Amino acid sequence: MRELTFQARIAGCSTQDFFRIACKDSSVVRQFHIEVNHDDTVTVTDWDDATRARIVTFTLDMAIPASLKRFVGAEPLRIKEQQSYEWLEGDTLKIVSIPVLQISLAKSLTTRAELLISNSSAGCQIDVTVSISASVPWPLQSTVEALMADQAKQTVGQYVEYVSKHVEGVLQQMNNEAAMQQQLQQVQQQGKG
């Protein structure tokens, strides 16, 4: 089993902002897969209110070594990802992603990504942990896990970067609109005085 960790920060953002802008609406995940993974066949269900889960189905191109292609099968790979979220103590948002490759070997491969989004003095902090394991013949296990780890690090890293930029952009636009509204109110006040 392999585990990867990394962090990101979004200045001026709260966990509530992050959820409202990046998670609540499925369009952000959809746009990520269209723009970054070049997959316009991506589907994203709405969040199920009872389970706080949704399903994302997408296609991903992976550079698979020839020695593993017979185990993995067709490229690009179709992936069905279950995402879930929960609010933890201290207004921390936990998002869990469990992608499942739509191949016969899928039961032998396990990937789990966990994003903990918490408030900090500078905004929100995103702590990412990705766990990967492969139950395949031992000569292939380290190779398969390394391949999966590289792909997971790349994909989750791109997602966190994409979402961070999206949230920053929306917050900046909201701040600009609020500043313009304030200036308009000041002009109106001066006109009355």
C-alpha atoms as a PDB file:
ATOM      1  CA  MET A   1       0.000   0.000   0.000  1.00  0.00           C
ATOM      2  CA  ARG A   2       1.162   3.498  -0.800  1.00  0.00           C
ATOM      3  CA  GLU A   3       0.035   6.757   0.699  1.00  0.00           C
ATOM      4  CA  LEU A   4       0.579  10.266  -0.651  1.00  0.00           C
ATOM      5  CA  THR A   5      -0.094  13.534   1.132  1.00  0.00           C
ATOM      6  CA  PHE A   6       0.004  17.167   0.086  1.00  0.00           C
ATOM      7  CA  GLN A   7      -1.544  20.511   0.989  1.00  0.00           C
ATOM      8  CA  ALA A   8      -3.008  23.562  -0.681  1.00  0.00           C
ATOM      9  CA  ARG A   9      -4.374  26.858   0.608  1.00  0.00           C
ATOM     10  CA  ILE A  10      -6.974  29.250  -0.720  1.00  0.00           C
ATOM     11  CA  ALA A  11      -6.581  32.782   0.603  1.00  0.00           C
ATOM     12  CA  GLY A  12      -9.665  34.593   1.838  1.00  0.00           C
ATOM     13  CA  CYS A  13     -11.824  31.474   1.676  1.00  0.00           C
ATOM     14  CA  SER A  14     -13.844  29.696   4.351  1.00  0.00           C
ATOM     15  CA  THR A  15     -14.895  26.067   4.320  1.00  0.00           C
ATOM     16  CA  GLN A  16     -18.471  27.244   3.717  1.00  0.00           C
ATOM     17  CA  ASP A  17     -17.272  29.287   0.701  1.00  0.00           C
ATOM     18  CA  PHE A  18     -15.375  26.255  -0.603  1.00  0.00           C
ATOM     19  CA  PHE A  19     -18.399  23.975  -0.324  1.00  0.00           C
ATOM     20  CA  ARG A  20     -20.808  26.508  -1.835  1.00  0.00           C
ATOM     21  CA  ILE A  21     -18.521  27.389  -4.773  1.00  0.00           C
ATOM     22  CA  ALA A  22     -16.635  24.149  -5.513  1.00  0.00           C
ATOM     23  CA  CYS A  23     -18.802  21.278  -4.295  1.00  0.00           C
ATOM     24  CA  LYS A  24     -22.494  22.040  -4.010  1.00  0.00           C
ATOM     25  CA  ASP A  25     -23.021  22.388  -7.758  1.00  0.00           C
ATOM     26  CA  SER A  26     -21.847  19.511  -9.976  1.00  0.00           C
ATOM     27  CA  SER A  27     -20.822  21.872 -12.787  1.00  0.00           C
ATOM     28  CA  VAL A  28     -17.346  22.521 -11.312  1.00  0.00           C
ATOM     29  CA  VAL A  29     -16.416  18.813 -11.332  1.00  0.00           C
ATOM     30  CA  ARG A  30     -17.872  18.466 -14.812  1.00  0.00           C
ATOM     31  CA  GLN A  31     -15.875  21.448 -16.117  1.00  0.00           C
ATOM     32  CA  PHE A  32     -12.702  20.052 -14.538  1.00  0.00           C
ATOM     33  CA  HIS A  33     -13.041  16.801 -16.469  1.00  0.00           C
ATOM     34  CA  ILE A  34     -13.925  18.605 -19.702  1.00  0.00           C
ATOM     35  CA  GLU A  35     -11.121  21.169 -19.501  1.00  0.00           C
ATOM     36  CA  VAL A  36      -8.326  19.200 -17.815  1.00  0.00           C
ATOM     37  CA  ASN A  37      -9.025  15.553 -18.749  1.00  0.00           C
ATOM     38  CA  HIS A  38     -10.528  16.456 -22.137  1.00  0.00           C
ATOM     39  CA  ASP A  39     -13.522  14.226 -21.442  1.00  0.00           C
ATOM     40  CA  ASP A  40     -16.844  15.621 -22.616  1.00  0.00           C
ATOM     41  CA  THR A  41     -18.620  12.347 -21.753  1.00  0.00           C
ATOM     42  CA  VAL A  42     -18.300  12.966 -18.000  1.00  0.00           C
ATOM     43  CA  THR A  43     -21.477  12.597 -15.962  1.00  0.00           C
ATOM     44  CA  VAL A  44     -22.018  13.872 -12.431  1.00  0.00           C
ATOM     45  CA  THR A  45     -25.098  13.092 -10.390  1.00  0.00           C
ATOM     46  CA  ASP A  46     -26.522  15.589  -7.935  1.00  0.00           C
ATOM     47  CA  TRP A  47     -25.696  15.072  -4.282  1.00  0.00           C
ATOM     48  CA  ASP A  48     -28.068  12.637  -2.580  1.00  0.00           C
ATOM     49  CA  ASP A  49     -29.276  14.595   0.451  1.00  0.00           C
ATOM     50  CA  ALA A  50     -29.684  11.476   2.593  1.00  0.00           C
ATOM     51  CA  THR A  51     -26.282   9.904   1.930  1.00  0.00           C
ATOM     52  CA  ARG A  52     -24.336  13.064   0.989  1.00  0.00           C
ATOM     53  CA  ALA A  53     -22.884  11.138  -1.931  1.00  0.00           C
ATOM     54  CA  ARG A  54     -22.765  11.461  -5.700  1.00  0.00           C
ATOM     55  CA  ILE A  55     -21.329   9.502  -8.608  1.00  0.00           C
ATOM     56  CA  VAL A  56     -18.901  10.903 -11.177  1.00  0.00           C
ATOM     57  CA  THR A  57     -18.278   8.783 -14.272  1.00  0.00           C
ATOM     58  CA  PHE A  58     -15.447   9.802 -16.577  1.00  0.00           C
ATOM     59  CA  THR A  59     -12.774   8.615 -18.965  1.00  0.00           C
ATOM     60  CA  LEU A  60      -9.064   9.020 -18.242  1.00  0.00           C
ATOM     61  CA  ASP A  61      -6.073   8.500 -20.496  1.00  0.00           C
ATOM     62  CA  MET A  62      -3.237   6.766 -18.647  1.00  0.00           C
ATOM     63  CA  ALA A  63       0.250   6.002 -19.847  1.00  0.00           C
ATOM     64  CA  ILE A  64       0.242   2.270 -19.140  1.00  0.00           C
ATOM     65  CA  PRO A  65       3.464   0.308 -19.679  1.00  0.00           C
ATOM     66  CA  ALA A  66       3.157  -2.450 -22.266  1.00  0.00           C
ATOM     67  CA  SER A  67       3.886  -5.083 -19.594  1.00  0.00           C
ATOM     68  CA  LEU A  68       0.687  -4.092 -17.749  1.00  0.00           C
ATOM     69  CA  LYS A  69      -1.665  -3.506 -20.661  1.00  0.00           C
ATOM     70  CA  ARG A  70      -2.824  -7.121 -20.739  1.00  0.00           C
ATOM     71  CA  PHE A  71      -3.902  -6.818 -17.073  1.00  0.00           C
ATOM     72  CA  VAL A  72      -5.547  -3.435 -17.392  1.00  0.00           C
ATOM     73  CA  GLY A  73      -7.250  -3.721 -20.748  1.00  0.00           C
ATOM     74  CA  ALA A  74      -8.506  -0.940 -22.964  1.00  0.00           C
ATOM     75  CA  GLU A  75      -7.355   2.644 -22.972  1.00  0.00           C
ATOM     76  CA  PRO A  76      -8.619   5.179 -22.154  1.00  0.00           C
ATOM     77  CA  LEU A  77     -10.002   3.872 -18.890  1.00  0.00           C
ATOM     78  CA  ARG A  78     -13.574   4.432 -17.781  1.00  0.00           C
ATOM     79  CA  ILE A  79     -13.807   5.318 -14.084  1.00  0.00           C
ATOM     80  CA  LYS A  80     -16.819   5.421 -11.789  1.00  0.00           C
ATOM     81  CA  GLU A  81     -16.025   7.547  -8.758  1.00  0.00           C
ATOM     82  CA  GLN A  82     -18.113   7.775  -5.618  1.00  0.00           C
ATOM     83  CA  GLN A  83     -17.719  11.074  -3.811  1.00  0.00           C
ATOM     84  CA  SER A  84     -19.113  11.774  -0.369  1.00  0.00           C
ATOM     85  CA  TYR A  85     -18.855  14.602   2.103  1.00  0.00           C
ATOM     86  CA  GLU A  86     -19.467  15.283   5.749  1.00  0.00           C
ATOM     87  CA  TRP A  87     -19.082  18.223   8.074  1.00  0.00           C
ATOM     88  CA  LEU A  88     -16.758  17.530  10.991  1.00  0.00           C
ATOM     89  CA  GLU A  89     -16.309  19.409  14.221  1.00  0.00           C
ATOM     90  CA  GLY A  90     -14.837  22.873  13.876  1.00  0.00           C
ATOM     91  CA  ASP A  91     -16.489  23.569  10.519  1.00  0.00           C
ATOM     92  CA  THR A  92     -14.106  21.185   8.747  1.00  0.00           C
ATOM     93  CA  LEU A  93     -15.339  19.690   5.483  1.00  0.00           C
ATOM     94  CA  LYS A  94     -14.294  16.121   4.664  1.00  0.00           C
ATOM     95  CA  ILE A  95     -14.615  14.940   1.074  1.00  0.00           C
ATOM     96  CA  VAL A  96     -13.891  11.307   0.212  1.00  0.00           C
ATOM     97  CA  SER A  97     -13.366  10.055  -3.326  1.00  0.00           C
ATOM     98  CA  ILE A  98     -13.298   6.367  -4.217  1.00  0.00           C
ATOM     99  CA  PRO A  99     -12.650   5.856  -7.933  1.00  0.00           C
ATOM    100  CA  VAL A 100     -13.240   2.398  -9.402  1.00  0.00           C
ATOM    101  CA  LEU A 101     -11.771   1.466 -12.773  1.00  0.00           C
ATOM    102  CA  GLN A 102     -14.356  -0.154 -15.005  1.00  0.00           C
ATOM    103  CA  ILE A 103     -12.137  -3.147 -15.855  1.00  0.00           C
ATOM    104  CA  SER A 104     -12.056  -6.789 -14.794  1.00  0.00           C
ATOM    105  CA  LEU A 105      -9.058  -6.162 -12.524  1.00  0.00           C
ATOM    106  CA  ALA A 106     -10.952  -3.442 -10.586  1.00  0.00           C
ATOM    107  CA  LYS A 107     -11.558  -5.602  -7.496  1.00  0.00           C
ATOM    108  CA  SER A 108      -7.794  -5.906  -7.108  1.00  0.00           C
ATOM    109  CA  LEU A 109      -7.164  -2.145  -7.171  1.00  0.00           C
ATOM    110  CA  THR A 110      -8.151   0.265  -4.421  1.00  0.00           C
ATOM    111  CA  THR A 111      -7.711   4.019  -4.442  1.00  0.00           C
ATOM    112  CA  ARG A 112      -9.118   6.442  -1.874  1.00  0.00           C
ATOM    113  CA  ALA A 113      -8.609  10.176  -1.715  1.00  0.00           C
ATOM    114  CA  GLU A 114      -9.559  12.243   1.295  1.00  0.00           C
ATOM    115  CA  LEU A 115      -9.647  16.034   1.307  1.00  0.00           C
ATOM    116  CA  LEU A 116      -9.944  17.811   4.647  1.00  0.00           C
ATOM    117  CA  ILE A 117     -10.827  21.463   4.136  1.00  0.00           C
ATOM    118  CA  SER A 118     -10.440  23.539   7.286  1.00  0.00           C
ATOM    119  CA  ASN A 119     -10.477  27.214   8.159  1.00  0.00           C
ATOM    120  CA  SER A 120      -7.167  28.914   8.866  1.00  0.00           C
ATOM    121  CA  SER A 121      -6.174  32.504   9.575  1.00  0.00           C
ATOM    122  CA  ALA A 122      -5.292  33.026   5.902  1.00  0.00           C
ATOM    123  CA  GLY A 123      -8.309  31.268   4.378  1.00  0.00           C
ATOM    124  CA  CYS A 124      -8.981  27.583   3.989  1.00  0.00           C
ATOM    125  CA  GLN A 125      -6.423  24.832   4.021  1.00  0.00           C
ATOM    126  CA  ILE A 126      -6.819  21.642   2.011  1.00  0.00           C
ATOM    127  CA  ASP A 127      -5.039  18.560   3.371  1.00  0.00           C
ATOM    128  CA  VAL A 128      -5.049  15.723   0.848  1.00  0.00           C
ATOM    129  CA  THR A 129      -4.322  12.058   1.559  1.00  0.00           C
ATOM    130  CA  VAL A 130      -4.407   9.472  -1.236  1.00  0.00           C
ATOM    131  CA  SER A 131      -4.148   5.740  -0.422  1.00  0.00           C
ATOM    132  CA  ILE A 132      -3.451   3.156  -3.119  1.00  0.00           C
ATOM    133  CA  SER A 133      -3.238  -0.625  -2.930  1.00  0.00           C
ATOM    134  CA  ALA A 134      -3.117  -3.406  -5.486  1.00  0.00           C
ATOM    135  CA  SER A 135      -3.839  -7.062  -4.794  1.00  0.00           C
ATOM    136  CA  VAL A 136      -2.038  -8.493  -7.792  1.00  0.00           C
ATOM    137  CA  PRO A 137       0.788 -11.059  -8.077  1.00  0.00           C
ATOM    138  CA  TRP A 138       3.702  -9.741  -6.019  1.00  0.00           C
ATOM    139  CA  PRO A 139       6.107  -9.212  -8.940  1.00  0.00           C
ATOM    140  CA  LEU A 140       3.616  -6.690 -10.358  1.00  0.00           C
ATOM    141  CA  GLN A 141       2.340  -5.188  -7.100  1.00  0.00           C
ATOM    142  CA  SER A 142       4.945  -2.446  -6.674  1.00  0.00           C
ATOM    143  CA  THR A 143       4.760  -1.528 -10.384  1.00  0.00           C
ATOM    144  CA  VAL A 144       0.959  -1.340 -10.379  1.00  0.00           C
ATOM    145  CA  GLU A 145       0.873   0.631  -7.127  1.00  0.00           C
ATOM    146  CA  ALA A 146       3.536   3.041  -8.422  1.00  0.00           C
ATOM    147  CA  LEU A 147       1.568   3.569 -11.644  1.00  0.00           C
ATOM    148  CA  MET A 148      -1.643   4.130  -9.698  1.00  0.00           C
ATOM    149  CA  ALA A 149       0.116   6.467  -7.243  1.00  0.00           C
ATOM    150  CA  ASP A 150       1.570   8.585 -10.060  1.00  0.00           C
ATOM    151  CA  GLN A 151      -1.813   8.831 -11.766  1.00  0.00           C
ATOM    152  CA  ALA A 152      -3.654   9.590  -8.519  1.00  0.00           C
ATOM    153  CA  LYS A 153      -1.151  12.268  -7.512  1.00  0.00           C
ATOM    154  CA  GLN A 154      -1.441  13.886 -10.933  1.00  0.00           C
ATOM    155  CA  THR A 155      -5.246  13.721 -11.147  1.00  0.00           C
ATOM    156  CA  VAL A 156      -6.005  14.762  -7.556  1.00  0.00           C
ATOM    157  CA  GLY A 157      -3.308  17.444  -7.735  1.00  0.00           C
ATOM    158  CA  GLN A 158      -4.814  18.852 -10.932  1.00  0.00           C
ATOM    159  CA  TYR A 159      -8.274  18.777  -9.372  1.00  0.00           C
ATOM    160  CA  VAL A 160      -7.153  20.642  -6.229  1.00  0.00           C
ATOM    161  CA  GLU A 161      -5.312  23.215  -8.360  1.00  0.00           C
ATOM    162  CA  TYR A 162      -8.321  23.663 -10.679  1.00  0.00           C
ATOM    163  CA  VAL A 163     -10.805  24.006  -7.819  1.00  0.00           C
ATOM    164  CA  SER A 164      -8.506  26.382  -5.916  1.00  0.00           C
ATOM    165  CA  LYS A 165      -8.224  28.694  -8.918  1.00  0.00           C
ATOM    166  CA  HIS A 166     -11.981  28.479  -9.520  1.00  0.00           C
ATOM    167  CA  VAL A 167     -12.806  29.372  -5.904  1.00  0.00           C
ATOM    168  CA  GLU A 168     -10.258  32.220  -5.899  1.00  0.00           C
ATOM    169  CA  GLY A 169     -11.750  33.568  -9.137  1.00  0.00           C
ATOM    170  CA  VAL A 170     -15.335  33.473  -7.839  1.00  0.00           C
ATOM    171  CA  LEU A 171     -14.321  35.117  -4.550  1.00  0.00           C
ATOM    172  CA  GLN A 172     -12.395  37.828  -6.415  1.00  0.00           C
ATOM    173  CA  GLN A 173     -15.407  38.499  -8.627  1.00  0.00           C
ATOM    174  CA  MET A 174     -17.659  38.714  -5.562  1.00  0.00           C
ATOM    175  CA  ASN A 175     -15.221  41.126  -3.875  1.00  0.00           C
ATOM    176  CA  ASN A 176     -15.053  43.289  -7.019  1.00  0.00           C
ATOM    177  CA  GLU A 177     -18.846  43.403  -7.245  1.00  0.00           C
ATOM    178  CA  ALA A 178     -19.129  44.321  -3.543  1.00  0.00           C
ATOM    179  CA  ALA A 179     -16.539  47.107  -3.980  1.00  0.00           C
ATOM    180  CA  MET A 180     -18.402  48.469  -7.019  1.00  0.00           C
ATOM    181  CA  GLN A 181     -21.687  48.363  -5.089  1.00  0.00           C
ATOM    182  CA  GLN A 182     -20.072  50.243  -2.214  1.00  0.00           C
ATOM    183  CA  GLN A 183     -18.686  52.895  -4.584  1.00  0.00           C
ATOM    184  CA  LEU A 184     -22.108  53.269  -6.200  1.00  0.00           C
ATOM    185  CA  GLN A 185     -23.706  53.764  -2.795  1.00  0.00           C
ATOM    186  CA  GLN A 186     -21.090  56.408  -1.908  1.00  0.00           C
ATOM    187  CA  VAL A 187     -21.765  58.266  -5.164  1.00  0.00           C
ATOM    188  CA  GLN A 188     -25.498  58.133  -4.483  1.00  0.00           C
ATOM    189  CA  GLN A 189     -24.959  59.417  -0.925  1.00  0.00           C
ATOM    190  CA  GLN A 190     -22.820  62.312  -2.229  1.00  0.00           C
ATOM    191  CA  GLY A 191     -25.511  63.196  -4.780  1.00  0.00           C
ATOM    192  CA  LYS A 192     -28.077  63.498  -2.019  1.00  0.00           C
ATOM    193  CA  GLY A 193     -25.844  65.622   0.190  1.00  0.00           C
END
